[in-house]
Amino acid sequence: MGAAPRPCEAQRCVALLRGINVGRGKRLPMAGLAALLEALGCSGVRTLLNSGNAVFDSATAPAALATQLQAAIREQLALDVPVQVRSAAEFRAIVTDNPLAGAADDPSRLLVAFPAPSASLAEISRWPAAPGDGGELRIGAHAAYLWCPQGVLESPLAAALLGKAGAQFTTRNWATVQRIAAAL
């Protein structure tokens, strides 16, 4: 008779929700997000800002937890919210791999685009940038990085990432990414 499978050890993770608490639609209090994560067996839950960021410990695989959290938000709050969960190791690799970190003199104008598992980073590289906007796009192993020196609102590529064209991605500015990394 074989040995019983060992339960997974808890690992530190980050949840990134797309498009909540922007304007009047899709309102999700961070206390509600924390409660949902705890109900799914997560511990040490800490939310950051009001834009759908949480760090926590979980024994559930990140992809499975993302699916569970998205379903719980849909069932309990009647919101359809794309959810990504990344391990702390993967998130730290995204931070470390940022090729534009040294070039950006304003962290609010540097975006990190996290692709959903079904999305392709190469897809972003095919989107047209406006000539002369001064921006720069770099594709990394796990994320895309977009420098918007004229501001995020002035960048056509940033607008695409933040809008319907970028529905397969969730973005955070570099200041938020650094706050999440520090909380991990």
N, C-alpha and C. Protein backbone atom coordinates (compact mmCIF):
# COMPACT_ATOMS: atom_id res chain seq x y z
N MET A 1 0.85 -1.17 0.00
CA MET A 1 0.00 0.00 0.00
C MET A 1 0.90 1.23 0.00
N GLY A 2 0.63 2.19 -0.89
CA GLY A 2 1.46 3.39 -1.02
C GLY A 2 1.20 4.38 0.10
N ALA A 3 2.14 5.24 0.29
CA ALA A 3 2.01 6.27 1.32
C ALA A 3 0.95 7.28 0.88
N ALA A 4 0.26 7.83 1.86
CA ALA A 4 -0.74 8.87 1.58
C ALA A 4 -0.03 10.10 1.04
N PRO A 5 -0.64 10.79 0.10
CA PRO A 5 0.01 11.99 -0.43
C PRO A 5 0.16 13.04 0.67
N ARG A 6 1.30 13.71 0.62
CA ARG A 6 1.54 14.77 1.60
C ARG A 6 0.82 16.03 1.16
N PRO A 7 0.23 16.75 2.11
CA PRO A 7 -0.39 18.02 1.71
C PRO A 7 0.69 19.00 1.26
N CYS A 8 0.31 19.87 0.35
CA CYS A 8 1.25 20.88 -0.12
C CYS A 8 1.61 21.82 1.01
N GLU A 9 2.85 22.24 1.03
CA GLU A 9 3.25 23.24 2.00
C GLU A 9 2.77 24.60 1.54
N ALA A 10 2.41 25.41 2.50
CA ALA A 10 1.95 26.76 2.17
C ALA A 10 3.10 27.55 1.56
N GLN A 11 2.77 28.36 0.58
CA GLN A 11 3.75 29.26 -0.01
C GLN A 11 3.16 30.66 -0.03
N ARG A 12 4.04 31.63 -0.01
CA ARG A 12 3.61 33.03 -0.07
C ARG A 12 3.18 33.33 -1.50
N CYS A 13 2.06 34.02 -1.64
CA CYS A 13 1.50 34.32 -2.95
C CYS A 13 0.98 35.75 -2.99
N VAL A 14 0.69 36.20 -4.20
CA VAL A 14 0.06 37.50 -4.41
C VAL A 14 -1.12 37.30 -5.36
N ALA A 15 -2.25 37.93 -5.03
CA ALA A 15 -3.41 37.94 -5.91
C ALA A 15 -3.50 39.31 -6.54
N LEU A 16 -3.77 39.32 -7.85
CA LEU A 16 -3.93 40.56 -8.61
C LEU A 16 -5.29 40.48 -9.30
N LEU A 17 -6.21 41.35 -8.92
CA LEU A 17 -7.52 41.39 -9.53
C LEU A 17 -7.55 42.51 -10.56
N ARG A 18 -8.25 42.30 -11.66
CA ARG A 18 -8.29 43.28 -12.74
C ARG A 18 -9.58 44.08 -12.70
N GLY A 19 -9.43 45.39 -12.73
CA GLY A 19 -10.56 46.28 -12.96
C GLY A 19 -11.54 46.48 -11.83
N ILE A 20 -11.11 46.30 -10.59
CA ILE A 20 -12.03 46.56 -9.49
C ILE A 20 -11.76 47.94 -8.89
N ASN A 21 -12.80 48.49 -8.30
CA ASN A 21 -12.73 49.78 -7.60
C ASN A 21 -12.22 50.90 -8.49
N VAL A 22 -12.54 50.81 -9.78
CA VAL A 22 -12.21 51.85 -10.74
C VAL A 22 -13.54 52.51 -11.11
N GLY A 23 -13.70 53.75 -10.76
CA GLY A 23 -14.99 54.40 -10.99
C GLY A 23 -16.04 53.79 -10.08
N ARG A 24 -17.26 53.71 -10.59
CA ARG A 24 -18.38 53.22 -9.76
C ARG A 24 -18.64 51.73 -9.93
N GLY A 25 -18.09 51.13 -10.96
CA GLY A 25 -18.36 49.72 -11.23
C GLY A 25 -17.42 48.80 -10.48
N LYS A 26 -17.87 47.57 -10.35
CA LYS A 26 -17.07 46.50 -9.75
C LYS A 26 -16.43 46.91 -8.43
N ARG A 27 -17.25 47.28 -7.47
CA ARG A 27 -16.77 47.67 -6.15
C ARG A 27 -16.53 46.41 -5.32
N LEU A 28 -15.36 46.30 -4.76
CA LEU A 28 -14.99 45.17 -3.91
C LEU A 28 -14.15 45.69 -2.76
N PRO A 29 -14.75 45.78 -1.57
CA PRO A 29 -13.96 46.23 -0.41
C PRO A 29 -12.81 45.25 -0.14
N MET A 30 -11.67 45.80 0.25
CA MET A 30 -10.51 44.94 0.49
C MET A 30 -10.75 44.01 1.68
N ALA A 31 -11.56 44.41 2.64
CA ALA A 31 -11.90 43.50 3.73
C ALA A 31 -12.67 42.29 3.18
N GLY A 32 -13.50 42.52 2.17
CA GLY A 32 -14.23 41.42 1.53
C GLY A 32 -13.30 40.48 0.79
N LEU A 33 -12.29 41.05 0.11
CA LEU A 33 -11.30 40.23 -0.57
C LEU A 33 -10.53 39.38 0.44
N ALA A 34 -10.13 39.99 1.54
CA ALA A 34 -9.40 39.25 2.58
C ALA A 34 -10.26 38.11 3.13
N ALA A 35 -11.54 38.39 3.36
CA ALA A 35 -12.44 37.35 3.90
C ALA A 35 -12.60 36.20 2.91
N LEU A 36 -12.71 36.50 1.63
CA LEU A 36 -12.82 35.45 0.63
C LEU A 36 -11.57 34.58 0.59
N LEU A 37 -10.40 35.22 0.65
CA LEU A 37 -9.15 34.46 0.65
C LEU A 37 -9.05 33.57 1.89
N GLU A 38 -9.44 34.09 3.03
CA GLU A 38 -9.40 33.29 4.26
C GLU A 38 -10.38 32.13 4.18
N ALA A 39 -11.56 32.35 3.59
CA ALA A 39 -12.54 31.28 3.43
C ALA A 39 -12.03 30.18 2.49
N LEU A 40 -11.10 30.55 1.60
CA LEU A 40 -10.49 29.57 0.70
C LEU A 40 -9.26 28.90 1.32
N GLY A 41 -9.02 29.14 2.60
CA GLY A 41 -7.93 28.48 3.31
C GLY A 41 -6.62 29.23 3.35
N CYS A 42 -6.61 30.47 2.89
CA CYS A 42 -5.39 31.27 2.93
C CYS A 42 -5.18 31.85 4.32
N SER A 43 -3.93 32.09 4.67
CA SER A 43 -3.62 32.68 5.97
C SER A 43 -2.66 33.85 5.78
N GLY A 44 -2.52 34.65 6.83
CA GLY A 44 -1.61 35.78 6.77
C GLY A 44 -1.99 36.77 5.68
N VAL A 45 -3.30 36.92 5.42
CA VAL A 45 -3.77 37.76 4.32
C VAL A 45 -3.57 39.23 4.66
N ARG A 46 -3.01 39.94 3.70
CA ARG A 46 -2.83 41.39 3.80
C ARG A 46 -3.18 42.00 2.45
N THR A 47 -4.11 42.94 2.44
CA THR A 47 -4.43 43.63 1.19
C THR A 47 -3.60 44.89 1.10
N LEU A 48 -3.37 45.32 -0.14
CA LEU A 48 -2.58 46.53 -0.38
C LEU A 48 -3.36 47.43 -1.31
N LEU A 49 -3.43 48.68 -0.96
CA LEU A 49 -4.14 49.69 -1.72
C LEU A 49 -5.60 49.25 -1.88
N ASN A 50 -6.32 49.87 -2.76
CA ASN A 50 -7.73 49.55 -2.94
C ASN A 50 -7.98 48.99 -4.33
N SER A 51 -6.94 48.49 -4.97
CA SER A 51 -7.05 48.10 -6.37
C SER A 51 -6.96 46.59 -6.60
N GLY A 52 -7.23 45.80 -5.56
CA GLY A 52 -7.26 44.36 -5.76
C GLY A 52 -5.93 43.67 -5.69
N ASN A 53 -5.15 43.98 -4.67
CA ASN A 53 -3.86 43.34 -4.44
C ASN A 53 -3.90 42.71 -3.05
N ALA A 54 -3.45 41.47 -2.95
CA ALA A 54 -3.36 40.83 -1.64
C ALA A 54 -2.16 39.90 -1.62
N VAL A 55 -1.50 39.84 -0.49
CA VAL A 55 -0.44 38.85 -0.27
C VAL A 55 -0.90 37.94 0.85
N PHE A 56 -0.50 36.67 0.78
CA PHE A 56 -1.01 35.68 1.72
C PHE A 56 -0.21 34.39 1.58
N ASP A 57 -0.49 33.44 2.47
CA ASP A 57 0.08 32.10 2.39
C ASP A 57 -1.02 31.15 1.98
N SER A 58 -0.69 30.20 1.09
CA SER A 58 -1.68 29.23 0.63
C SER A 58 -0.99 27.92 0.26
N ALA A 59 -1.66 26.82 0.57
CA ALA A 59 -1.17 25.51 0.18
C ALA A 59 -1.76 25.10 -1.18
N THR A 60 -2.67 25.90 -1.71
CA THR A 60 -3.28 25.62 -3.01
C THR A 60 -2.38 26.19 -4.11
N ALA A 61 -2.26 25.46 -5.19
CA ALA A 61 -1.46 25.93 -6.33
C ALA A 61 -2.03 27.26 -6.82
N PRO A 62 -1.15 28.21 -7.21
CA PRO A 62 -1.62 29.53 -7.62
C PRO A 62 -2.70 29.52 -8.70
N ALA A 63 -2.56 28.73 -9.75
CA ALA A 63 -3.56 28.72 -10.82
C ALA A 63 -4.91 28.21 -10.31
N ALA A 64 -4.89 27.18 -9.48
CA ALA A 64 -6.14 26.65 -8.92
C ALA A 64 -6.78 27.67 -7.99
N LEU A 65 -5.97 28.34 -7.20
CA LEU A 65 -6.51 29.35 -6.28
C LEU A 65 -7.11 30.52 -7.05
N ALA A 66 -6.50 30.93 -8.15
CA ALA A 66 -7.05 32.02 -8.97
C ALA A 66 -8.44 31.64 -9.46
N THR A 67 -8.61 30.41 -9.92
CA THR A 67 -9.91 29.94 -10.41
C THR A 67 -10.92 29.92 -9.26
N GLN A 68 -10.51 29.45 -8.10
CA GLN A 68 -11.40 29.38 -6.94
C GLN A 68 -11.82 30.78 -6.48
N LEU A 69 -10.86 31.70 -6.44
CA LEU A 69 -11.16 33.06 -5.99
C LEU A 69 -12.08 33.76 -6.98
N GLN A 70 -11.83 33.60 -8.26
CA GLN A 70 -12.69 34.21 -9.27
C GLN A 70 -14.13 33.68 -9.14
N ALA A 71 -14.27 32.37 -8.93
CA ALA A 71 -15.60 31.77 -8.77
C ALA A 71 -16.27 32.28 -7.49
N ALA A 72 -15.52 32.40 -6.41
CA ALA A 72 -16.10 32.89 -5.15
C ALA A 72 -16.58 34.33 -5.28
N ILE A 73 -15.81 35.15 -5.98
CA ILE A 73 -16.22 36.55 -6.20
C ILE A 73 -17.50 36.59 -7.04
N ARG A 74 -17.56 35.74 -8.06
CA ARG A 74 -18.75 35.69 -8.91
C ARG A 74 -19.97 35.22 -8.12
N GLU A 75 -19.80 34.15 -7.35
CA GLU A 75 -20.92 33.56 -6.61
C GLU A 75 -21.38 34.43 -5.45
N GLN A 76 -20.45 34.97 -4.70
CA GLN A 76 -20.82 35.68 -3.47
C GLN A 76 -21.05 37.17 -3.67
N LEU A 77 -20.42 37.76 -4.68
CA LEU A 77 -20.53 39.20 -4.87
C LEU A 77 -21.12 39.59 -6.22
N ALA A 78 -21.45 38.60 -7.04
CA ALA A 78 -22.03 38.82 -8.36
C ALA A 78 -21.16 39.73 -9.23
N LEU A 79 -19.84 39.56 -9.13
CA LEU A 79 -18.89 40.32 -9.94
C LEU A 79 -18.07 39.36 -10.78
N ASP A 80 -17.89 39.70 -12.05
CA ASP A 80 -17.03 38.91 -12.91
C ASP A 80 -15.68 39.63 -12.99
N VAL A 81 -14.72 39.15 -12.23
CA VAL A 81 -13.44 39.81 -12.08
C VAL A 81 -12.32 38.84 -12.45
N PRO A 82 -11.51 39.17 -13.46
CA PRO A 82 -10.35 38.33 -13.74
C PRO A 82 -9.37 38.36 -12.56
N VAL A 83 -8.87 37.20 -12.21
CA VAL A 83 -7.97 37.06 -11.06
C VAL A 83 -6.71 36.33 -11.49
N GLN A 84 -5.59 36.84 -11.06
CA GLN A 84 -4.32 36.13 -11.22
C GLN A 84 -3.72 35.92 -9.84
N VAL A 85 -3.13 34.77 -9.64
CA VAL A 85 -2.38 34.49 -8.42
C VAL A 85 -0.99 34.06 -8.85
N ARG A 86 0.01 34.71 -8.29
CA ARG A 86 1.41 34.40 -8.59
C ARG A 86 2.11 34.01 -7.30
N SER A 87 3.01 33.07 -7.40
CA SER A 87 3.83 32.73 -6.24
C SER A 87 4.77 33.90 -5.95
N ALA A 88 5.23 33.97 -4.73
CA ALA A 88 6.17 35.03 -4.37
C ALA A 88 7.43 34.93 -5.22
N ALA A 89 7.88 33.71 -5.49
CA ALA A 89 9.09 33.53 -6.30
C ALA A 89 8.88 34.07 -7.71
N GLU A 90 7.73 33.78 -8.32
CA GLU A 90 7.47 34.28 -9.66
C GLU A 90 7.34 35.80 -9.65
N PHE A 91 6.67 36.34 -8.65
CA PHE A 91 6.51 37.80 -8.58
C PHE A 91 7.86 38.48 -8.42
N ARG A 92 8.70 37.92 -7.56
CA ARG A 92 10.04 38.51 -7.38
C ARG A 92 10.86 38.44 -8.66
N ALA A 93 10.70 37.35 -9.42
CA ALA A 93 11.41 37.24 -10.70
C ALA A 93 10.94 38.32 -11.67
N ILE A 94 9.66 38.62 -11.67
CA ILE A 94 9.12 39.69 -12.52
C ILE A 94 9.73 41.03 -12.12
N VAL A 95 9.87 41.26 -10.84
CA VAL A 95 10.47 42.51 -10.35
C VAL A 95 11.94 42.57 -10.75
N THR A 96 12.67 41.50 -10.51
CA THR A 96 14.10 41.46 -10.80
C THR A 96 14.39 41.58 -12.29
N ASP A 97 13.52 41.01 -13.12
CA ASP A 97 13.75 40.98 -14.57
C ASP A 97 13.38 42.27 -15.29
N ASN A 98 12.87 43.26 -14.60
CA ASN A 98 12.39 44.48 -15.25
C ASN A 98 13.55 45.20 -15.95
N PRO A 99 13.56 45.20 -17.29
CA PRO A 99 14.66 45.84 -18.01
C PRO A 99 14.55 47.36 -18.06
N LEU A 100 13.41 47.90 -17.63
CA LEU A 100 13.21 49.35 -17.70
C LEU A 100 13.26 50.03 -16.33
N ALA A 101 13.53 49.28 -15.29
CA ALA A 101 13.52 49.85 -13.94
C ALA A 101 14.49 51.01 -13.80
N GLY A 102 15.66 50.90 -14.38
CA GLY A 102 16.65 51.97 -14.28
C GLY A 102 16.35 53.17 -15.16
N ALA A 103 15.57 52.97 -16.21
CA ALA A 103 15.26 54.06 -17.14
C ALA A 103 14.09 54.91 -16.67
N ALA A 104 13.26 54.36 -15.82
CA ALA A 104 12.05 55.06 -15.39
C ALA A 104 12.35 55.98 -14.22
N ASP A 105 12.16 57.27 -14.43
CA ASP A 105 12.39 58.22 -13.34
C ASP A 105 11.11 58.55 -12.58
N ASP A 106 9.98 57.97 -12.99
CA ASP A 106 8.71 58.16 -12.30
C ASP A 106 8.00 56.80 -12.27
N PRO A 107 7.96 56.14 -11.12
CA PRO A 107 7.40 54.79 -11.07
C PRO A 107 5.92 54.72 -11.42
N SER A 108 5.22 55.84 -11.38
CA SER A 108 3.80 55.81 -11.75
C SER A 108 3.62 55.75 -13.27
N ARG A 109 4.70 55.97 -14.02
CA ARG A 109 4.62 55.95 -15.48
C ARG A 109 5.24 54.70 -16.09
N LEU A 110 5.61 53.78 -15.25
CA LEU A 110 6.14 52.49 -15.70
C LEU A 110 5.12 51.42 -15.33
N LEU A 111 4.57 50.77 -16.34
CA LEU A 111 3.56 49.74 -16.12
C LEU A 111 4.17 48.35 -16.28
N VAL A 112 3.68 47.44 -15.46
CA VAL A 112 4.01 46.03 -15.61
C VAL A 112 2.70 45.34 -15.99
N ALA A 113 2.70 44.63 -17.10
CA ALA A 113 1.52 43.91 -17.58
C ALA A 113 1.70 42.43 -17.30
N PHE A 114 0.82 41.89 -16.47
CA PHE A 114 0.85 40.48 -16.09
C PHE A 114 -0.15 39.75 -16.98
N PRO A 115 0.30 38.81 -17.80
CA PRO A 115 -0.63 38.10 -18.67
C PRO A 115 -1.39 37.01 -17.93
N ALA A 116 -2.65 36.82 -18.31
CA ALA A 116 -3.41 35.67 -17.82
C ALA A 116 -2.74 34.42 -18.39
N PRO A 117 -2.96 33.28 -17.78
CA PRO A 117 -2.31 32.06 -18.29
C PRO A 117 -2.59 31.78 -19.76
N SER A 118 -3.76 32.18 -20.25
CA SER A 118 -4.10 31.91 -21.65
C SER A 118 -3.58 32.98 -22.60
N ALA A 119 -3.01 34.04 -22.08
CA ALA A 119 -2.56 35.16 -22.90
C ALA A 119 -1.11 34.96 -23.34
N SER A 120 -0.77 35.64 -24.39
CA SER A 120 0.59 35.58 -24.91
C SER A 120 1.25 36.94 -24.78
N LEU A 121 2.42 36.97 -24.21
CA LEU A 121 3.16 38.23 -24.12
C LEU A 121 3.50 38.75 -25.51
N ALA A 122 3.70 37.85 -26.46
CA ALA A 122 4.02 38.27 -27.82
C ALA A 122 2.87 39.08 -28.42
N GLU A 123 1.65 38.83 -27.95
CA GLU A 123 0.48 39.57 -28.44
C GLU A 123 0.67 41.07 -28.22
N ILE A 124 1.18 41.47 -27.08
CA ILE A 124 1.38 42.89 -26.80
C ILE A 124 2.39 43.50 -27.76
N SER A 125 3.42 42.76 -28.07
CA SER A 125 4.48 43.31 -28.93
C SER A 125 3.97 43.64 -30.33
N ARG A 126 2.83 43.07 -30.72
CA ARG A 126 2.26 43.35 -32.04
C ARG A 126 1.34 44.57 -32.04
N TRP A 127 0.99 45.08 -30.86
CA TRP A 127 0.12 46.25 -30.80
C TRP A 127 0.90 47.48 -31.24
N PRO A 128 0.27 48.35 -31.99
CA PRO A 128 1.00 49.53 -32.47
C PRO A 128 1.17 50.59 -31.38
N ALA A 129 2.33 51.17 -31.34
CA ALA A 129 2.58 52.31 -30.45
C ALA A 129 2.49 53.56 -31.31
N ALA A 130 2.12 54.65 -30.70
CA ALA A 130 2.04 55.91 -31.45
C ALA A 130 3.45 56.40 -31.75
N PRO A 131 3.68 56.84 -32.97
CA PRO A 131 5.02 57.35 -33.29
C PRO A 131 5.30 58.61 -32.48
N GLY A 132 6.49 58.68 -31.96
CA GLY A 132 6.93 59.87 -31.23
C GLY A 132 6.41 60.00 -29.81
N ASP A 133 5.76 58.96 -29.25
CA ASP A 133 5.29 59.12 -27.87
C ASP A 133 6.41 58.91 -26.86
N GLY A 134 7.57 58.48 -27.32
CA GLY A 134 8.73 58.35 -26.44
C GLY A 134 8.68 57.14 -25.54
N GLY A 135 7.65 56.33 -25.64
CA GLY A 135 7.52 55.17 -24.77
C GLY A 135 8.40 54.02 -25.22
N GLU A 136 8.51 53.07 -24.35
CA GLU A 136 9.31 51.88 -24.67
C GLU A 136 8.63 50.67 -24.08
N LEU A 137 8.54 49.61 -24.85
CA LEU A 137 7.95 48.36 -24.43
C LEU A 137 9.00 47.28 -24.47
N ARG A 138 9.09 46.51 -23.40
CA ARG A 138 10.00 45.36 -23.35
C ARG A 138 9.20 44.16 -22.87
N ILE A 139 9.44 43.04 -23.49
CA ILE A 139 8.76 41.80 -23.14
C ILE A 139 9.73 40.93 -22.34
N GLY A 140 9.33 40.55 -21.14
CA GLY A 140 10.14 39.68 -20.30
C GLY A 140 9.63 38.25 -20.35
N ALA A 141 10.20 37.42 -19.54
CA ALA A 141 9.81 36.01 -19.51
C ALA A 141 8.40 35.80 -18.94
N HIS A 142 7.99 36.66 -17.98
CA HIS A 142 6.71 36.47 -17.30
C HIS A 142 5.81 37.70 -17.32
N ALA A 143 6.29 38.80 -17.87
CA ALA A 143 5.51 40.05 -17.87
C ALA A 143 6.04 40.95 -18.98
N ALA A 144 5.24 41.97 -19.28
CA ALA A 144 5.68 43.01 -20.21
C ALA A 144 5.84 44.30 -19.40
N TYR A 145 6.76 45.13 -19.84
CA TYR A 145 7.09 46.36 -19.13
C TYR A 145 6.93 47.52 -20.10
N LEU A 146 6.18 48.54 -19.70
CA LEU A 146 5.90 49.66 -20.59
C LEU A 146 6.24 50.97 -19.89
N TRP A 147 7.18 51.69 -20.45
CA TRP A 147 7.58 53.00 -19.95
C TRP A 147 6.79 54.05 -20.72
N CYS A 148 6.08 54.90 -20.00
CA CYS A 148 5.22 55.94 -20.60
C CYS A 148 5.71 57.31 -20.11
N PRO A 149 6.77 57.86 -20.69
CA PRO A 149 7.34 59.11 -20.19
C PRO A 149 6.39 60.30 -20.26
N GLN A 150 5.42 60.26 -21.18
CA GLN A 150 4.45 61.35 -21.28
C GLN A 150 3.25 61.13 -20.37
N GLY A 151 3.24 60.02 -19.66
CA GLY A 151 2.13 59.68 -18.77
C GLY A 151 1.33 58.51 -19.31
N VAL A 152 0.76 57.75 -18.42
CA VAL A 152 -0.01 56.57 -18.80
C VAL A 152 -1.22 56.98 -19.63
N LEU A 153 -1.88 58.06 -19.28
CA LEU A 153 -3.07 58.49 -20.01
C LEU A 153 -2.77 58.97 -21.42
N GLU A 154 -1.52 59.31 -21.69
CA GLU A 154 -1.12 59.79 -23.02
C GLU A 154 -0.57 58.69 -23.91
N SER A 155 -0.43 57.50 -23.39
CA SER A 155 0.17 56.39 -24.14
C SER A 155 -0.91 55.51 -24.77
N PRO A 156 -0.92 55.41 -26.11
CA PRO A 156 -1.89 54.52 -26.77
C PRO A 156 -1.74 53.06 -26.35
N LEU A 157 -0.51 52.62 -26.16
CA LEU A 157 -0.30 51.23 -25.75
C LEU A 157 -0.80 51.00 -24.33
N ALA A 158 -0.56 51.96 -23.44
CA ALA A 158 -1.08 51.84 -22.08
C ALA A 158 -2.61 51.84 -22.10
N ALA A 159 -3.20 52.68 -22.94
CA ALA A 159 -4.66 52.71 -23.05
C ALA A 159 -5.19 51.35 -23.50
N ALA A 160 -4.50 50.71 -24.43
CA ALA A 160 -4.91 49.38 -24.89
C ALA A 160 -4.80 48.36 -23.77
N LEU A 161 -3.71 48.42 -23.02
CA LEU A 161 -3.52 47.48 -21.91
C LEU A 161 -4.57 47.67 -20.82
N LEU A 162 -4.96 48.90 -20.57
CA LEU A 162 -5.92 49.19 -19.52
C LEU A 162 -7.36 49.00 -19.99
N GLY A 163 -7.58 48.96 -21.29
CA GLY A 163 -8.93 48.86 -21.84
C GLY A 163 -9.28 47.44 -22.26
N LYS A 164 -10.29 47.36 -23.09
CA LYS A 164 -10.81 46.07 -23.52
C LYS A 164 -9.79 45.26 -24.32
N ALA A 165 -8.95 45.92 -25.06
CA ALA A 165 -7.94 45.20 -25.85
C ALA A 165 -6.99 44.42 -24.95
N GLY A 166 -6.79 44.92 -23.75
CA GLY A 166 -5.88 44.27 -22.82
C GLY A 166 -6.56 43.39 -21.80
N ALA A 167 -7.75 42.89 -22.11
CA ALA A 167 -8.52 42.12 -21.15
C ALA A 167 -7.79 40.87 -20.64
N GLN A 168 -6.83 40.38 -21.39
CA GLN A 168 -6.08 39.19 -20.97
C GLN A 168 -4.89 39.54 -20.06
N PHE A 169 -4.76 40.81 -19.71
CA PHE A 169 -3.65 41.28 -18.89
C PHE A 169 -4.18 42.10 -17.73
N THR A 170 -3.46 42.10 -16.64
CA THR A 170 -3.73 43.06 -15.59
C THR A 170 -2.45 43.86 -15.40
N THR A 171 -2.60 45.13 -15.16
CA THR A 171 -1.42 45.98 -15.05
C THR A 171 -1.33 46.60 -13.66
N ARG A 172 -0.11 46.88 -13.27
CA ARG A 172 0.17 47.63 -12.06
C ARG A 172 1.32 48.57 -12.38
N ASN A 173 1.29 49.76 -11.81
CA ASN A 173 2.43 50.64 -12.03
C ASN A 173 3.58 50.16 -11.14
N TRP A 174 4.77 50.64 -11.46
CA TRP A 174 5.97 50.16 -10.79
C TRP A 174 5.96 50.46 -9.29
N ALA A 175 5.37 51.57 -8.89
CA ALA A 175 5.28 51.90 -7.46
C ALA A 175 4.47 50.84 -6.73
N THR A 176 3.36 50.43 -7.33
CA THR A 176 2.51 49.39 -6.71
C THR A 176 3.23 48.05 -6.70
N VAL A 177 3.90 47.70 -7.78
CA VAL A 177 4.66 46.45 -7.84
C VAL A 177 5.71 46.40 -6.73
N GLN A 178 6.39 47.53 -6.52
CA GLN A 178 7.40 47.56 -5.45
C GLN A 178 6.76 47.41 -4.07
N ARG A 179 5.59 48.00 -3.87
CA ARG A 179 4.89 47.84 -2.58
C ARG A 179 4.49 46.39 -2.34
N ILE A 180 3.99 45.75 -3.40
CA ILE A 180 3.62 44.34 -3.27
C ILE A 180 4.86 43.50 -2.96
N ALA A 181 5.94 43.73 -3.68
CA ALA A 181 7.18 42.97 -3.45
C ALA A 181 7.67 43.16 -2.02
N ALA A 182 7.58 44.36 -1.49
CA ALA A 182 8.01 44.61 -0.11
C ALA A 182 7.11 43.85 0.88
N ALA A 183 5.83 43.72 0.57
CA ALA A 183 4.90 43.01 1.46
C ALA A 183 5.10 41.51 1.42
N LEU A 184 5.68 41.01 0.34
CA LEU A 184 5.93 39.57 0.25
C LEU A 184 7.04 39.17 1.20
